[in-house]
């Protein structure tokens, strides 16, 4: 997995955590759900990159 991909996935995951936290603090269900979706998307991308790395080795 490239360093840039790791950084982007980590940034997306962190953004999702922040959105989820802000949504929870402000009682905004839409923002909280959007944050969880961002985290899930980042985790799926990261898993895909790990699978690609496994086949490259």
N, C-alpha and C. Protein backbone atom coordinates (compact mmCIF):
# COMPACT_ATOMS: atom_id res chain seq x y z
N UNK A 1 0.85 -1.16 0.00
CA UNK A 1 0.00 0.00 0.00
C UNK A 1 0.90 1.23 0.00
N UNK A 2 0.56 2.16 -0.87
CA UNK A 2 1.35 3.37 -0.97
C UNK A 2 1.14 4.27 0.23
N UNK A 3 2.16 5.03 0.51
CA UNK A 3 2.10 5.95 1.65
C UNK A 3 0.97 6.96 1.49
N UNK A 4 0.75 7.42 0.27
CA UNK A 4 -0.32 8.39 0.01
C UNK A 4 -1.69 7.76 0.29
N UNK A 5 -1.87 6.50 -0.13
CA UNK A 5 -3.14 5.81 0.12
C UNK A 5 -3.39 5.64 1.62
N UNK A 6 -2.33 5.28 2.35
CA UNK A 6 -2.47 5.14 3.80
C UNK A 6 -2.89 6.46 4.44
N UNK A 7 -2.25 7.52 4.00
CA UNK A 7 -2.55 8.84 4.54
C UNK A 7 -3.99 9.23 4.24
N UNK A 8 -4.41 9.04 2.99
CA UNK A 8 -5.78 9.41 2.59
C UNK A 8 -6.83 8.60 3.35
N UNK A 9 -6.59 7.31 3.51
CA UNK A 9 -7.53 6.47 4.25
C UNK A 9 -7.58 6.88 5.72
N UNK A 10 -6.44 7.18 6.27
CA UNK A 10 -6.38 7.61 7.67
C UNK A 10 -7.09 8.95 7.85
N UNK A 11 -6.88 9.85 6.91
CA UNK A 11 -7.54 11.17 6.99
C UNK A 11 -9.05 11.03 6.88
N UNK A 12 -9.51 10.16 5.98
CA UNK A 12 -10.95 9.95 5.83
C UNK A 12 -11.54 9.32 7.09
N UNK A 13 -10.81 8.40 7.69
CA UNK A 13 -11.27 7.77 8.93
C UNK A 13 -11.35 8.80 10.06
N UNK A 14 -10.35 9.63 10.16
CA UNK A 14 -10.33 10.66 11.20
C UNK A 14 -11.45 11.67 11.00
N UNK A 15 -11.67 12.06 9.75
CA UNK A 15 -12.76 12.98 9.44
C UNK A 15 -14.10 12.37 9.86
N UNK A 16 -14.25 11.09 9.59
CA UNK A 16 -15.48 10.39 9.97
C UNK A 16 -15.68 10.37 11.47
N UNK A 17 -14.59 10.16 12.21
CA UNK A 17 -14.69 10.15 13.67
C UNK A 17 -15.10 11.52 14.20
N UNK A 18 -14.53 12.56 13.61
CA UNK A 18 -14.87 13.92 14.04
C UNK A 18 -16.34 14.21 13.74
N UNK A 19 -16.78 13.87 12.53
CA UNK A 19 -18.18 14.10 12.17
C UNK A 19 -19.11 13.35 13.11
N UNK A 20 -18.77 12.10 13.39
CA UNK A 20 -19.60 11.30 14.29
C UNK A 20 -19.67 11.94 15.67
N UNK A 21 -18.53 12.39 16.18
CA UNK A 21 -18.48 13.02 17.50
C UNK A 21 -19.27 14.32 17.55
N UNK A 22 -19.13 15.14 16.52
CA UNK A 22 -19.87 16.40 16.47
C UNK A 22 -21.37 16.11 16.36
N UNK A 23 -21.73 15.14 15.54
CA UNK A 23 -23.13 14.76 15.40
C UNK A 23 -23.72 14.28 16.70
N UNK A 24 -22.95 13.50 17.44
CA UNK A 24 -23.42 13.00 18.74
C UNK A 24 -23.56 14.15 19.73
N UNK A 25 -22.58 15.06 19.73
CA UNK A 25 -22.60 16.17 20.68
C UNK A 25 -23.73 17.16 20.41
N UNK A 26 -24.06 17.33 19.14
CA UNK A 26 -25.11 18.29 18.77
C UNK A 26 -26.46 17.61 18.54
N UNK A 27 -26.51 16.32 18.78
CA UNK A 27 -27.73 15.53 18.59
C UNK A 27 -28.21 15.60 17.14
N UNK A 28 -27.24 15.57 16.21
CA UNK A 28 -27.53 15.61 14.78
C UNK A 28 -27.30 14.20 14.22
N UNK A 29 -28.39 13.45 14.06
CA UNK A 29 -28.28 12.06 13.63
C UNK A 29 -27.71 11.93 12.22
N UNK A 30 -28.05 12.87 11.33
CA UNK A 30 -27.55 12.81 9.95
C UNK A 30 -26.02 12.91 9.93
N UNK A 31 -25.47 13.85 10.68
CA UNK A 31 -24.02 14.05 10.72
C UNK A 31 -23.33 12.85 11.38
N UNK A 32 -23.94 12.32 12.41
CA UNK A 32 -23.38 11.15 13.09
C UNK A 32 -23.34 9.95 12.13
N UNK A 33 -24.41 9.74 11.40
CA UNK A 33 -24.47 8.64 10.44
C UNK A 33 -23.48 8.85 9.30
N UNK A 34 -23.35 10.07 8.84
CA UNK A 34 -22.40 10.39 7.77
C UNK A 34 -20.97 10.10 8.24
N UNK A 35 -20.67 10.41 9.48
CA UNK A 35 -19.35 10.13 10.04
C UNK A 35 -19.06 8.64 10.09
N UNK A 36 -20.04 7.86 10.50
CA UNK A 36 -19.86 6.41 10.54
C UNK A 36 -19.66 5.86 9.13
N UNK A 37 -20.39 6.42 8.16
CA UNK A 37 -20.25 5.99 6.76
C UNK A 37 -18.84 6.31 6.24
N UNK A 38 -18.33 7.47 6.58
CA UNK A 38 -16.97 7.84 6.16
C UNK A 38 -15.95 6.86 6.74
N UNK A 39 -16.12 6.50 7.99
CA UNK A 39 -15.20 5.56 8.63
C UNK A 39 -15.26 4.19 7.96
N UNK A 40 -16.46 3.74 7.67
CA UNK A 40 -16.64 2.44 7.01
C UNK A 40 -15.99 2.45 5.63
N UNK A 41 -16.22 3.52 4.88
CA UNK A 41 -15.64 3.65 3.54
C UNK A 41 -14.10 3.60 3.62
N UNK A 42 -13.52 4.29 4.59
CA UNK A 42 -12.07 4.30 4.74
C UNK A 42 -11.56 2.90 5.11
N UNK A 43 -12.26 2.21 5.96
CA UNK A 43 -11.84 0.86 6.36
C UNK A 43 -11.92 -0.12 5.20
N UNK A 44 -12.93 0.02 4.36
CA UNK A 44 -13.07 -0.85 3.19
C UNK A 44 -11.93 -0.59 2.21
N UNK A 45 -11.62 0.68 1.98
CA UNK A 45 -10.51 1.02 1.08
C UNK A 45 -9.20 0.46 1.61
N UNK A 46 -9.00 0.58 2.91
CA UNK A 46 -7.77 0.08 3.52
C UNK A 46 -7.68 -1.44 3.38
N UNK A 47 -8.79 -2.13 3.56
CA UNK A 47 -8.79 -3.59 3.40
C UNK A 47 -8.47 -3.97 1.96
N UNK A 48 -9.02 -3.23 1.00
CA UNK A 48 -8.72 -3.49 -0.40
C UNK A 48 -7.25 -3.31 -0.72
N UNK A 49 -6.65 -2.28 -0.15
CA UNK A 49 -5.22 -2.04 -0.36
C UNK A 49 -4.38 -3.17 0.24
N UNK A 50 -4.79 -3.67 1.38
CA UNK A 50 -4.06 -4.79 2.01
C UNK A 50 -4.14 -6.05 1.17
N UNK A 51 -5.30 -6.28 0.56
CA UNK A 51 -5.46 -7.44 -0.32
C UNK A 51 -4.55 -7.30 -1.54
N UNK A 52 -4.51 -6.11 -2.12
CA UNK A 52 -3.62 -5.87 -3.26
C UNK A 52 -2.17 -6.13 -2.87
N UNK A 53 -1.76 -5.66 -1.69
CA UNK A 53 -0.40 -5.87 -1.22
C UNK A 53 -0.09 -7.34 -1.04
N UNK A 54 -1.06 -8.11 -0.57
CA UNK A 54 -0.85 -9.54 -0.36
C UNK A 54 -0.58 -10.25 -1.68
N UNK A 55 -1.25 -9.85 -2.74
CA UNK A 55 -1.05 -10.48 -4.04
C UNK A 55 0.23 -10.01 -4.72
N UNK A 56 0.73 -8.84 -4.36
CA UNK A 56 1.97 -8.32 -4.95
C UNK A 56 3.19 -9.06 -4.38
N UNK A 57 3.08 -9.52 -3.15
CA UNK A 57 4.24 -10.13 -2.49
C UNK A 57 4.48 -11.55 -2.93
